[in-house]
Amino acid sequence: MKLYFYGADRAVTGSCHCVEVNGKRILVDCGLQQGRDELDNTLLPFDAKEIDYVLVTHAHIDHSGRLPLLVKQGFEGEILTTRLTARLLEIMLLDSANIQESEAEYANRKGERAGREHVEPLYTTADAEEAIQFIRTCDYHQTIELCEGVEVTFTDAGHLLGSASITMTLTEGDVIKTVVFSGDIGNEAQPILRPPELLKHADYVLMESTYGNRNHESEWNYEGRLAQIIDETLGQGGNVIIPSFAVGRAQELLYFIRRIKEQGLVKSVPDFPVFIDSPLAKAATSIFCGAVRGYVDEESLDISTDEKHMFSFTNLHMIETADESRRLNTDETPKVIISASGMCDAGRIRHHLKHNLWRYNATVVFVGYQVQGTLGRRLIDGAESVKLFGEEVAVHAKIVNLKGLSAHADHDHLVQWIESFDPKPQVFVVHGDEDIAPAFAEELRGLGFTADAPMFTAAFDLAEGVALENGYMPERRKTEARRRADVIYDKLVAAAEDLIFFIKGNRGMANKDMARLTSQIRALLEKWK
């Protein structure tokens, strides 16, 4: 009866842990490593063929994004998750596969000219489609006998639609142990979702610590403040541009805008148009509008009928194609545009920024955390101009950082969650950065818990209650200079993708302009060879 730490250990992405009992190996999550946490996503620290089951806490890619790779490398077992997590996985894994294929295609176009070896995508759309076939579902509080000596129960973690904490009851011989995997613990008082359920009993808890060192800053009247921004901006004839993550945050914004319209809080343009410019957000929103009983709060259920749902309001438009997206920037009607990506370093949002940042009557509203080095962070920090698609764009628009929305529990609510257990379990602090997870573990020890923040590849004997391997800190831990270099490289790749998008969208430009642009691109490549 053993526990292995295979990802998000003193790191915040790539969640993956493994329980071994009665000869079976059970993964909890198989997430993609991202950003500075990335080692080599192609290398799993175990043999995929030896994994019998995977339990998925929720659909975010840092918890699920290597499931297609697992299948590609020989996994033939069963993937178990909640019904609505399964629905989200269907769209998010395919979206992730499309990104993997696009990145490989771009690298190969560039590499072929340089004589480099062909690059394979991490996985393909076909791999994602195959992985989806391995999924079976359960509902909250349904006890599943997974295999001999293993029972599992999913409870609402309040983090994302369908997200769960997972309780595993393990029996091997005459030893019985209960292990809880927290998944990502949700914030309190979020729209749509219910608060995370508090659990009472466990021998061991693997607990996330994303915000283990701080509490959230909140906007005292989020809805009213958003309405005020929309009212003032549209009244001046400008657009409100909102960079947003496609799954979760975009739907929360629609929820607030519905309430704003119902209460008549925007006086200048009462029936203002709202555009969701993200195919993934459109697909996710349709899932939020489906059979969600048992997954959302009572208020959201009360307003959902056959004809109406929690995002029902007039003048809402879902944008699918690139042509539709471009037309938004030639339409002078004042509007609200919600588009991805949330940190502005890729995607359609960059085009909307190019067409609006220079306007004195526009407003850009940030509704999520902006990592250092991203375009979103530079705008929040007061950049006077930014470069988009090779063009310097002055920042005259009003920049607003609207705080108050977070899908993660903050420090105080994390403590409240773990203190609900009685008696105190042994805690393994995971899913927190290398300085946060150990510090939070030390704080829990001060509260009377036995707590530690294991390192990558650590192993623990659950029956005997002793460590088997200490693990190690991989080379992914980079200097600040290396981290800055990674951010700059990511921006370079994003700029190249923007160039391709621009070229494909201007097929009909004049021959002389196409020839001139081609000459400039080739000269630039020659300069940097």
Protein backbone atom coordinates (compact mmCIF):
# COMPACT_ATOMS: atom_id res chain seq x y z
CA MET A 1 0.00 0.00 0.00
CA LYS A 2 2.12 2.84 -1.34
CA LEU A 3 1.77 6.46 -2.47
CA TYR A 4 3.95 8.04 -5.19
CA PHE A 5 4.38 11.74 -5.99
CA TYR A 6 4.62 12.21 -9.76
CA GLY A 7 3.67 15.86 -10.35
CA ALA A 8 2.72 19.23 -8.81
CA ASP A 9 5.05 18.50 -5.90
CA ARG A 10 6.52 21.84 -4.82
CA ALA A 11 5.10 23.02 -8.16
CA VAL A 12 1.69 24.26 -9.32
CA THR A 13 1.10 22.35 -12.56
CA GLY A 14 1.36 18.78 -13.79
CA SER A 15 -0.70 17.24 -10.98
CA CYS A 16 -0.18 13.48 -10.83
CA HIS A 17 -0.08 11.07 -7.91
CA CYS A 18 -0.29 7.30 -7.72
CA VAL A 19 -1.61 4.77 -5.22
CA GLU A 20 -0.45 1.15 -5.38
CA VAL A 21 -2.62 -1.41 -3.60
CA ASN A 22 -3.25 -5.15 -4.09
CA GLY A 23 -1.09 -5.12 -7.19
CA LYS A 24 -3.09 -2.32 -8.86
CA ARG A 25 -1.75 1.12 -9.73
CA ILE A 26 -4.19 4.03 -9.62
CA LEU A 27 -3.33 7.54 -10.81
CA VAL A 28 -5.09 10.58 -9.44
CA ASP A 29 -4.86 13.16 -12.26
CA CYS A 30 -2.38 13.22 -15.13
CA GLY A 31 -1.79 16.88 -15.81
CA LEU A 32 0.29 18.89 -18.22
CA GLN A 33 3.38 20.64 -16.88
CA GLN A 34 3.22 24.32 -17.80
CA GLY A 35 5.48 27.36 -17.69
CA ARG A 36 8.40 27.21 -15.35
CA ASP A 37 7.21 23.84 -13.96
CA GLU A 38 7.78 22.11 -17.28
CA LEU A 39 10.46 19.41 -17.39
CA ASP A 40 9.65 17.31 -20.44
CA ASN A 41 5.97 16.57 -20.93
CA THR A 42 6.82 13.60 -23.14
CA LEU A 43 8.42 11.75 -20.21
CA LEU A 44 6.05 10.13 -17.72
CA PRO A 45 7.82 9.03 -14.50
CA PHE A 46 6.18 5.58 -14.76
CA ASP A 47 5.24 2.99 -17.36
CA ALA A 48 1.83 3.92 -18.82
CA LYS A 49 1.10 0.25 -19.52
CA GLU A 50 1.30 -0.53 -15.78
CA ILE A 51 -1.43 1.96 -14.78
CA ASP A 52 -4.80 0.29 -14.22
CA TYR A 53 -7.03 3.29 -13.41
CA VAL A 54 -6.99 7.08 -13.51
CA LEU A 55 -9.22 9.23 -11.29
CA VAL A 56 -9.60 12.82 -12.54
CA THR A 57 -10.42 15.59 -10.04
CA HIS A 58 -11.37 18.17 -12.70
CA ALA A 59 -10.90 19.17 -16.32
CA HIS A 60 -8.25 21.89 -16.10
CA ILE A 61 -5.33 20.95 -18.33
CA ASP A 62 -2.77 21.03 -15.51
CA HIS A 63 -4.73 18.11 -14.01
CA SER A 64 -5.87 16.30 -17.17
CA GLY A 65 -3.70 17.42 -20.08
CA ARG A 66 -1.49 14.32 -20.35
CA LEU A 67 -4.33 11.77 -20.50
CA PRO A 68 -3.99 11.51 -24.31
CA LEU A 69 -0.23 10.99 -23.87
CA LEU A 70 -0.93 8.24 -21.31
CA VAL A 71 -3.14 6.46 -23.85
CA LYS A 72 -0.61 7.07 -26.63
CA GLN A 73 2.06 5.35 -24.50
CA GLY A 74 -0.02 2.24 -23.89
CA PHE A 75 -2.57 2.84 -21.10
CA GLU A 76 -5.58 0.52 -21.54
CA GLY A 77 -7.34 0.94 -18.20
CA GLU A 78 -10.26 3.03 -17.08
CA ILE A 79 -10.60 6.77 -16.47
CA LEU A 80 -13.18 7.68 -13.84
CA THR A 81 -14.51 11.17 -13.16
CA THR A 82 -17.73 13.07 -12.57
CA ARG A 83 -20.29 13.40 -15.33
CA LEU A 84 -19.68 17.08 -16.04
CA THR A 85 -15.91 16.83 -15.79
CA ALA A 86 -16.20 14.20 -18.52
CA ARG A 87 -18.19 16.64 -20.68
CA LEU A 88 -15.57 19.36 -20.22
CA LEU A 89 -12.74 16.91 -20.90
CA GLU A 90 -14.27 16.14 -24.29
CA ILE A 91 -13.78 19.72 -25.46
CA MET A 92 -10.67 20.67 -23.50
CA LEU A 93 -8.56 17.65 -24.47
CA LEU A 94 -9.44 18.15 -28.13
CA ASP A 95 -8.56 21.83 -27.83
CA SER A 96 -5.26 20.92 -26.18
CA ALA A 97 -4.51 18.39 -28.94
CA ASN A 98 -5.16 21.04 -31.55
CA ILE A 99 -2.66 23.33 -29.81
CA GLN A 100 -0.07 20.50 -29.70
CA GLU A 101 -0.52 19.84 -33.42
CA SER A 102 -0.37 23.53 -34.32
CA GLU A 103 2.82 24.06 -32.31
CA ALA A 104 4.47 21.04 -33.93
CA GLU A 105 3.40 22.19 -37.40
CA TYR A 106 4.86 25.63 -36.78
CA ALA A 107 8.13 24.16 -35.43
CA ASN A 108 8.44 21.86 -38.45
CA ARG A 109 7.85 24.65 -40.96
CA LYS A 110 10.62 26.62 -39.34
CA GLY A 111 12.85 23.61 -38.70
CA GLU A 112 12.67 22.23 -42.23
CA ARG A 113 14.38 25.32 -43.63
CA ALA A 114 17.05 25.07 -40.93
CA GLY A 115 17.62 21.34 -41.53
CA ARG A 116 16.41 20.32 -38.08
CA GLU A 117 14.76 16.99 -37.29
CA HIS A 118 11.01 16.60 -37.62
CA VAL A 119 9.06 17.36 -34.42
CA GLU A 120 6.10 15.22 -33.38
CA PRO A 121 3.23 16.77 -31.41
CA LEU A 122 2.98 15.68 -27.79
CA TYR A 123 -0.25 14.00 -28.88
CA THR A 124 -2.77 14.34 -31.68
CA THR A 125 -6.49 14.87 -32.00
CA ALA A 126 -6.79 11.13 -32.64
CA ASP A 127 -5.00 10.42 -29.32
CA ALA A 128 -7.39 12.77 -27.49
CA GLU A 129 -10.41 11.16 -29.11
CA GLU A 130 -9.14 7.73 -28.07
CA ALA A 131 -8.53 8.88 -24.48
CA ILE A 132 -12.11 10.13 -24.25
CA GLN A 133 -13.31 6.60 -25.05
CA PHE A 134 -11.71 5.31 -21.81
CA ILE A 135 -13.79 7.63 -19.60
CA ARG A 136 -16.66 6.44 -17.44
CA THR A 137 -18.56 8.68 -15.07
CA CYS A 138 -20.07 8.87 -11.63
CA ASP A 139 -21.90 11.50 -9.59
CA TYR A 140 -21.01 13.12 -6.31
CA HIS A 141 -21.38 10.90 -3.21
CA GLN A 142 -21.70 7.73 -5.30
CA THR A 143 -19.40 5.09 -3.78
CA ILE A 144 -17.62 3.16 -6.55
CA GLU A 145 -15.90 -0.18 -5.95
CA LEU A 146 -13.01 0.45 -8.29
CA CYS A 147 -11.26 -2.89 -7.83
CA GLU A 148 -10.47 -5.34 -5.04
CA GLY A 149 -9.80 -3.38 -1.85
CA VAL A 150 -10.47 0.06 -3.33
CA GLU A 151 -13.59 2.19 -2.91
CA VAL A 152 -13.71 5.77 -4.17
CA THR A 153 -16.13 8.66 -3.59
CA PHE A 154 -16.16 12.04 -5.35
CA THR A 155 -17.35 15.12 -3.43
CA ASP A 156 -17.85 18.68 -4.67
CA ALA A 157 -14.62 20.72 -4.53
CA GLY A 158 -16.34 23.95 -5.72
CA HIS A 159 -13.48 24.87 -8.07
CA LEU A 160 -14.87 24.24 -11.57
CA LEU A 161 -18.03 22.66 -12.93
CA GLY A 162 -17.74 18.98 -11.99
CA SER A 163 -14.60 19.42 -9.87
CA ALA A 164 -14.10 16.98 -7.00
CA SER A 165 -12.14 15.96 -4.00
CA ILE A 166 -11.64 12.20 -4.04
CA THR A 167 -11.80 9.90 -1.01
CA MET A 168 -10.15 6.49 -1.44
CA THR A 169 -10.72 3.72 1.10
CA LEU A 170 -7.93 1.17 0.72
CA THR A 171 -7.97 -2.36 2.14
CA GLU A 172 -4.95 -4.65 1.88
CA GLY A 173 -4.93 -7.69 4.13
CA ASP A 174 -6.05 -6.47 7.54
CA VAL A 175 -4.92 -2.88 6.94
CA ILE A 176 -7.53 -0.23 6.08
CA LYS A 177 -6.52 3.34 5.26
CA THR A 178 -8.48 6.34 3.99
CA VAL A 179 -6.73 8.80 1.69
CA VAL A 180 -8.28 12.09 0.52
CA PHE A 181 -7.05 13.92 -2.57
CA SER A 182 -8.30 17.50 -2.30
CA GLY A 183 -7.99 18.39 -5.98
CA ASP A 184 -8.18 22.17 -6.35
CA ILE A 185 -10.28 23.59 -3.52
CA GLY A 186 -12.74 26.24 -4.65
CA ASN A 187 -13.23 29.75 -3.39
CA GLU A 188 -16.17 30.68 -1.18
CA ALA A 189 -19.22 32.61 -2.43
CA GLN A 190 -18.55 32.15 -6.15
CA PRO A 191 -21.35 32.58 -8.66
CA ILE A 192 -22.81 29.39 -10.19
CA LEU A 193 -20.79 26.87 -8.17
CA ARG A 194 -21.50 25.60 -4.69
CA PRO A 195 -18.85 26.08 -1.97
CA PRO A 196 -16.40 23.20 -1.45
CA GLU A 197 -17.68 20.41 0.75
CA LEU A 198 -15.93 19.95 4.07
CA LEU A 199 -14.81 16.40 4.77
CA LYS A 200 -14.46 14.83 8.20
CA HIS A 201 -12.32 11.72 8.18
CA ALA A 202 -9.06 10.59 6.62
CA ASP A 203 -5.81 8.98 7.65
CA TYR A 204 -3.93 10.89 4.95
CA VAL A 205 -4.77 14.03 2.93
CA LEU A 206 -3.02 15.31 -0.20
CA MET A 207 -3.91 18.98 -0.12
CA GLU A 208 -3.41 21.78 -2.64
CA SER A 209 -1.69 24.99 -1.51
CA THR A 210 -1.89 27.37 -4.48
CA TYR A 211 -2.78 30.33 -2.23
CA GLY A 212 -1.16 28.93 0.89
CA ASN A 213 0.62 32.20 1.62
CA ARG A 214 -2.03 34.86 0.95
CA ASN A 215 -5.68 35.86 1.01
CA HIS A 216 -7.62 37.23 -1.94
CA GLU A 217 -8.17 40.92 -2.46
CA SER A 218 -11.87 41.43 -3.18
CA GLU A 219 -14.04 44.04 -4.86
CA TRP A 220 -16.75 44.91 -2.32
CA ASN A 221 -19.42 45.26 -5.06
CA TYR A 222 -18.11 43.32 -8.07
CA GLU A 223 -21.38 43.37 -9.99
CA GLY A 224 -21.97 47.08 -9.44
CA ARG A 225 -18.39 47.99 -10.34
CA LEU A 226 -18.55 46.00 -13.59
CA ALA A 227 -21.87 47.66 -14.46
CA GLN A 228 -20.37 51.10 -13.80
CA ILE A 229 -17.43 50.38 -16.13
CA ILE A 230 -19.74 49.19 -18.91
CA ASP A 231 -22.12 52.14 -18.44
CA GLU A 232 -19.40 54.79 -18.56
CA THR A 233 -17.49 53.26 -21.48
CA LEU A 234 -20.44 52.53 -23.73
CA GLY A 235 -21.86 55.95 -22.91
CA GLN A 236 -18.69 57.47 -24.39
CA GLY A 237 -19.08 55.37 -27.53
CA GLY A 238 -16.24 52.98 -26.65
CA ASN A 239 -15.85 49.22 -26.29
CA VAL A 240 -15.25 47.21 -23.12
CA ILE A 241 -12.62 44.54 -23.80
CA ILE A 242 -12.35 41.71 -21.25
CA PRO A 243 -9.51 39.17 -21.55
CA SER A 244 -10.81 35.97 -19.98
CA PHE A 245 -10.09 32.28 -19.54
CA ALA A 246 -12.53 30.32 -21.70
CA VAL A 247 -13.76 27.76 -19.17
CA GLY A 248 -15.10 28.96 -15.83
CA ARG A 249 -14.25 32.65 -15.84
CA ALA A 250 -16.08 33.47 -19.10
CA GLN A 251 -19.23 31.83 -17.73
CA GLU A 252 -18.98 33.75 -14.45
CA LEU A 253 -18.85 36.99 -16.43
CA LEU A 254 -21.98 36.03 -18.38
CA TYR A 255 -23.71 35.28 -15.09
CA PHE A 256 -22.91 38.77 -13.77
CA ILE A 257 -23.89 40.48 -17.02
CA ARG A 258 -27.28 38.74 -16.98
CA ARG A 259 -27.88 40.13 -13.48
CA ILE A 260 -26.68 43.58 -14.55
CA LYS A 261 -29.17 43.61 -17.42
CA GLU A 262 -32.02 42.30 -15.26
CA GLN A 263 -31.46 45.08 -12.72
CA GLY A 264 -31.09 47.78 -15.39
CA LEU A 265 -27.73 48.90 -14.00
CA VAL A 266 -26.43 50.15 -17.36
CA LYS A 267 -28.34 53.31 -18.30
CA SER A 268 -26.39 54.55 -21.33
CA VAL A 269 -27.07 51.46 -23.51
CA PRO A 270 -29.51 49.26 -21.55
CA ASP A 271 -29.54 46.40 -24.09
CA PHE A 272 -25.80 46.53 -24.82
CA PRO A 273 -24.37 43.81 -27.09
CA VAL A 274 -22.06 41.18 -25.58
CA PHE A 275 -19.76 39.03 -27.72
CA ILE A 276 -18.03 35.84 -26.54
CA ASP A 277 -15.14 35.53 -28.99
CA SER A 278 -13.74 32.06 -28.22
CA PRO A 279 -14.86 28.74 -29.72
CA LEU A 280 -13.78 26.91 -26.56
CA ALA A 281 -15.76 29.32 -24.35
CA LYS A 282 -18.78 28.81 -26.60
CA ALA A 283 -18.55 25.02 -26.25
CA ALA A 284 -18.03 25.25 -22.48
CA THR A 285 -20.99 27.59 -22.06
CA SER A 286 -23.27 25.05 -23.73
CA ILE A 287 -22.23 22.51 -21.07
CA PHE A 288 -22.96 24.97 -18.27
CA CYS A 289 -26.43 25.40 -19.83
CA GLY A 290 -27.18 21.65 -19.90
CA ALA A 291 -28.11 19.12 -17.25
CA VAL A 292 -26.33 20.66 -14.25
CA ARG A 293 -28.60 19.65 -11.36
CA GLY A 294 -26.40 18.49 -8.50
CA TYR A 295 -23.46 20.55 -9.75
CA VAL A 296 -24.47 24.22 -9.38
CA ASP A 297 -25.99 26.35 -6.65
CA GLU A 298 -29.73 26.69 -6.07
CA GLU A 299 -29.97 30.20 -7.54
CA SER A 300 -28.57 28.99 -10.85
CA LEU A 301 -31.00 26.07 -10.86
CA ASP A 302 -33.98 28.26 -10.01
CA ILE A 303 -33.53 30.41 -13.11
CA SER A 304 -32.88 27.48 -15.46
CA THR A 305 -35.90 26.18 -17.39
CA ASP A 306 -36.41 24.72 -20.84
CA GLU A 307 -36.55 28.24 -22.30
CA LYS A 308 -34.10 30.02 -20.01
CA HIS A 309 -30.78 29.42 -18.33
CA MET A 310 -28.37 31.29 -16.09
CA PHE A 311 -26.82 33.12 -19.08
CA SER A 312 -30.07 34.04 -20.83
CA PHE A 313 -30.16 37.68 -21.87
CA THR A 314 -30.79 39.59 -25.07
CA ASN A 315 -28.04 40.70 -27.43
CA LEU A 316 -25.60 37.92 -26.48
CA HIS A 317 -23.57 36.66 -29.45
CA MET A 318 -21.23 33.64 -29.61
CA ILE A 319 -18.43 34.10 -32.15
CA GLU A 320 -17.02 31.04 -33.89
CA THR A 321 -14.93 31.89 -36.97
CA ALA A 322 -11.91 34.14 -37.42
CA ASP A 323 -13.83 36.17 -40.00
CA GLU A 324 -16.61 36.85 -37.47
CA SER A 325 -13.96 37.86 -34.95
CA ARG A 326 -12.35 40.32 -37.36
CA ARG A 327 -15.69 41.91 -38.19
CA LEU A 328 -16.11 42.92 -34.54
CA ASN A 329 -13.33 45.43 -35.06
CA THR A 330 -14.94 47.05 -38.11
CA ASP A 331 -18.31 47.44 -36.38
CA GLU A 332 -18.45 50.82 -34.61
CA THR A 333 -21.35 49.85 -32.31
CA PRO A 334 -20.24 50.16 -28.65
CA LYS A 335 -20.03 46.64 -27.25
CA VAL A 336 -18.57 44.28 -24.64
CA ILE A 337 -16.10 41.73 -26.03
CA ILE A 338 -15.00 38.78 -23.87
CA SER A 339 -12.13 36.92 -25.51
CA ALA A 340 -9.22 34.57 -24.79
CA SER A 341 -6.49 34.30 -23.76
CA GLY A 342 -6.85 35.59 -20.24
CA MET A 343 -3.29 36.96 -20.01
CA CYS A 344 -3.25 38.40 -23.57
CA ASP A 345 -0.15 36.58 -24.77
CA ALA A 346 -1.95 34.69 -27.56
CA GLY A 347 -5.31 34.29 -29.21
CA ARG A 348 -7.99 36.59 -30.55
CA ILE A 349 -7.82 38.99 -27.62
CA ARG A 350 -4.62 40.50 -29.07
CA HIS A 351 -6.49 41.65 -32.18
CA HIS A 352 -9.16 43.34 -30.08
CA LEU A 353 -6.45 45.07 -28.04
CA LYS A 354 -4.75 46.31 -31.19
CA HIS A 355 -8.00 47.93 -32.33
CA ASN A 356 -8.97 49.39 -28.95
CA LEU A 357 -5.95 50.17 -26.77
CA TRP A 358 -5.24 53.42 -28.61
CA ARG A 359 -8.81 54.69 -28.16
CA TYR A 360 -9.40 57.13 -25.30
CA ASN A 361 -13.01 55.97 -24.94
CA ALA A 362 -12.25 52.22 -24.59
CA THR A 363 -11.74 50.22 -21.39
CA VAL A 364 -9.79 46.99 -20.90
CA VAL A 365 -10.95 45.05 -17.84
CA PHE A 366 -8.75 42.35 -16.33
CA VAL A 367 -10.64 39.75 -14.30
CA GLY A 368 -7.88 37.27 -13.46
CA TYR A 369 -4.32 37.09 -12.21
CA GLN A 370 -1.67 38.32 -14.66
CA VAL A 371 1.71 36.58 -14.46
CA GLN A 372 4.89 38.64 -14.54
CA GLY A 373 6.15 39.13 -18.10
CA THR A 374 2.79 38.72 -19.84
CA LEU A 375 1.17 41.42 -21.94
CA GLY A 376 -1.68 41.60 -19.45
CA ARG A 377 0.72 42.29 -16.59
CA ARG A 378 2.51 45.02 -18.55
CA LEU A 379 -0.81 46.74 -19.20
CA ILE A 380 -1.80 46.56 -15.53
CA ASP A 381 1.61 47.89 -14.54
CA GLY A 382 1.05 51.00 -16.66
CA ALA A 383 2.75 50.41 -20.02
CA GLU A 384 2.36 53.53 -22.21
CA SER A 385 2.61 51.51 -25.42
CA VAL A 386 2.84 47.85 -26.44
CA LYS A 387 3.83 46.08 -29.63
CA LEU A 388 1.10 44.01 -31.34
CA PHE A 389 1.64 42.32 -34.71
CA GLY A 390 4.82 44.29 -35.21
CA GLU A 391 3.06 47.62 -34.64
CA GLU A 392 3.59 49.94 -31.69
CA VAL A 393 0.18 50.67 -30.16
CA ALA A 394 -0.28 53.55 -27.73
CA VAL A 395 -2.19 52.74 -24.56
CA HIS A 396 -4.86 55.42 -24.19
CA ALA A 397 -7.68 53.10 -23.09
CA LYS A 398 -8.58 52.92 -19.42
CA ILE A 399 -7.02 49.83 -17.82
CA VAL A 400 -8.97 48.32 -14.91
CA ASN A 401 -7.85 45.42 -12.72
CA LEU A 402 -11.15 44.16 -11.33
CA LYS A 403 -10.28 41.89 -8.42
CA GLY A 404 -12.56 39.55 -6.58
CA LEU A 405 -12.94 36.50 -8.81
CA SER A 406 -10.78 33.47 -8.05
CA ALA A 407 -11.49 29.77 -8.48
CA HIS A 408 -9.06 28.83 -5.68
CA ALA A 409 -9.55 28.96 -1.94
CA ASP A 410 -7.25 31.47 -0.30
CA HIS A 411 -5.05 30.90 2.76
CA ASP A 412 -7.72 31.24 5.43
CA HIS A 413 -10.20 29.01 3.60
CA LEU A 414 -7.52 26.37 3.03
CA VAL A 415 -6.93 26.30 6.76
CA GLN A 416 -10.67 26.10 7.39
CA TRP A 417 -10.94 23.18 4.95
CA ILE A 418 -8.19 21.07 6.55
CA GLU A 419 -9.32 21.85 10.10
CA SER A 420 -12.70 20.23 9.37
CA PHE A 421 -11.01 16.82 9.67
CA ASP A 422 -11.33 15.18 13.08
CA PRO A 423 -9.05 13.61 14.18
CA LYS A 424 -6.22 15.40 12.41
CA PRO A 425 -4.88 13.41 9.44
CA GLN A 426 -1.32 13.32 8.16
CA VAL A 427 -1.11 15.98 5.42
CA PHE A 428 0.96 16.00 2.25
CA VAL A 429 0.99 19.57 0.90
CA VAL A 430 1.05 19.62 -2.92
CA HIS A 431 0.11 21.92 -5.82
CA GLY A 432 1.98 24.88 -4.40
CA ASP A 433 5.17 26.61 -5.50
CA GLU A 434 8.53 25.55 -4.10
CA ASP A 435 8.53 28.24 -1.44
CA ILE A 436 4.79 28.16 -0.65
CA ALA A 437 4.16 24.43 -0.14
CA PRO A 438 6.90 23.88 2.50
CA ALA A 439 5.91 27.05 4.36
CA PHE A 440 2.25 26.02 4.43
CA ALA A 441 3.25 22.56 5.67
CA GLU A 442 5.23 24.21 8.47
CA GLU A 443 2.19 26.30 9.39
CA LEU A 444 0.03 23.17 9.55
CA ARG A 445 2.56 21.54 11.88
CA GLY A 446 2.12 24.54 14.14
CA LEU A 447 -1.62 23.78 14.17
CA GLY A 448 -1.01 20.23 15.37
CA PHE A 449 -0.92 18.34 12.05
CA THR A 450 1.77 15.99 10.88
CA ALA A 451 2.56 17.68 7.57
CA ASP A 452 5.19 17.69 4.86
CA ALA A 453 5.65 19.00 1.31
CA PRO A 454 7.05 16.02 -0.64
CA MET A 455 9.35 16.41 -3.61
CA PHE A 456 9.03 14.92 -7.10
CA THR A 457 9.18 11.06 -7.19
CA ALA A 458 8.93 10.76 -3.39
CA ALA A 459 7.30 7.54 -2.16
CA PHE A 460 5.44 6.74 1.06
CA ASP A 461 4.29 3.49 2.69
CA LEU A 462 0.66 4.11 3.69
CA ALA A 463 0.35 0.94 5.74
CA GLU A 464 3.46 1.54 7.84
CA GLY A 465 3.28 5.33 7.83
CA VAL A 466 6.92 5.81 6.76
CA ALA A 467 8.70 7.50 3.87
CA LEU A 468 10.31 5.18 1.32
CA GLU A 469 11.95 7.71 -0.99
CA ASN A 470 12.56 11.42 -0.42
CA GLY A 471 12.35 12.45 -4.06
CA TYR A 472 14.26 15.37 -5.54
CA MET A 473 13.87 18.88 -6.93
CA PRO A 474 14.29 18.73 -10.72
CA GLU A 475 16.25 21.17 -12.83
CA ARG A 476 13.03 22.91 -13.83
CA ARG A 477 13.70 25.34 -11.00
CA LYS A 478 15.20 28.20 -12.99
CA THR A 479 16.94 31.42 -12.13
CA GLU A 480 14.98 34.63 -12.44
CA ALA A 481 16.97 35.47 -15.57
CA ARG A 482 16.06 32.11 -17.11
CA ARG A 483 12.42 32.65 -16.21
CA ARG A 484 12.47 36.04 -17.92
CA ALA A 485 14.09 34.42 -20.96
CA ASP A 486 11.29 31.85 -21.09
CA VAL A 487 8.65 34.57 -20.98
CA ILE A 488 10.40 36.49 -23.76
CA TYR A 489 10.60 33.31 -25.85
CA ASP A 490 6.89 32.64 -25.32
CA LYS A 491 6.14 36.15 -26.53
CA LEU A 492 8.31 35.59 -29.60
CA VAL A 493 6.33 32.46 -30.47
CA ALA A 494 3.07 34.34 -29.90
CA ALA A 495 4.24 37.13 -32.24
CA ALA A 496 5.03 34.56 -34.94
CA GLU A 497 1.59 33.01 -34.55
CA ASP A 498 0.04 36.47 -34.84
CA LEU A 499 1.94 37.02 -38.08
CA ILE A 500 0.55 33.80 -39.57
CA PHE A 501 -2.96 34.80 -38.45
CA PHE A 502 -2.53 38.22 -40.08
CA ILE A 503 -1.29 36.77 -43.36
CA LYS A 504 -4.11 34.21 -43.60
CA GLY A 505 -6.65 36.93 -42.92
CA ASN A 506 -5.36 39.19 -45.70
CA ARG A 507 -5.31 36.87 -48.69
CA GLY A 508 -6.78 39.53 -50.96
CA MET A 509 -4.24 42.28 -50.28
CA ALA A 510 -2.62 43.98 -53.25
CA ASN A 511 0.14 42.03 -55.02
CA LYS A 512 2.69 44.76 -54.41
CA ASP A 513 1.88 44.76 -50.68
CA MET A 514 2.19 40.97 -50.50
CA ALA A 515 5.52 41.11 -52.31
CA ARG A 516 6.78 43.87 -50.01
CA LEU A 517 5.72 41.96 -46.88
CA THR A 518 7.35 38.77 -48.18
CA SER A 519 10.57 40.65 -48.81
CA GLN A 520 10.52 42.15 -45.29
CA ILE A 521 9.92 38.75 -43.67
CA ARG A 522 12.75 37.12 -45.63
CA ALA A 523 15.11 39.99 -44.78
CA LEU A 524 14.23 39.61 -41.11
CA LEU A 525 14.90 35.87 -41.21
CA GLU A 526 18.24 36.41 -42.95
CA LYS A 527 19.23 38.94 -40.30
CA TRP A 528 18.55 36.53 -37.43
CA LYS A 529 19.89 33.28 -38.93
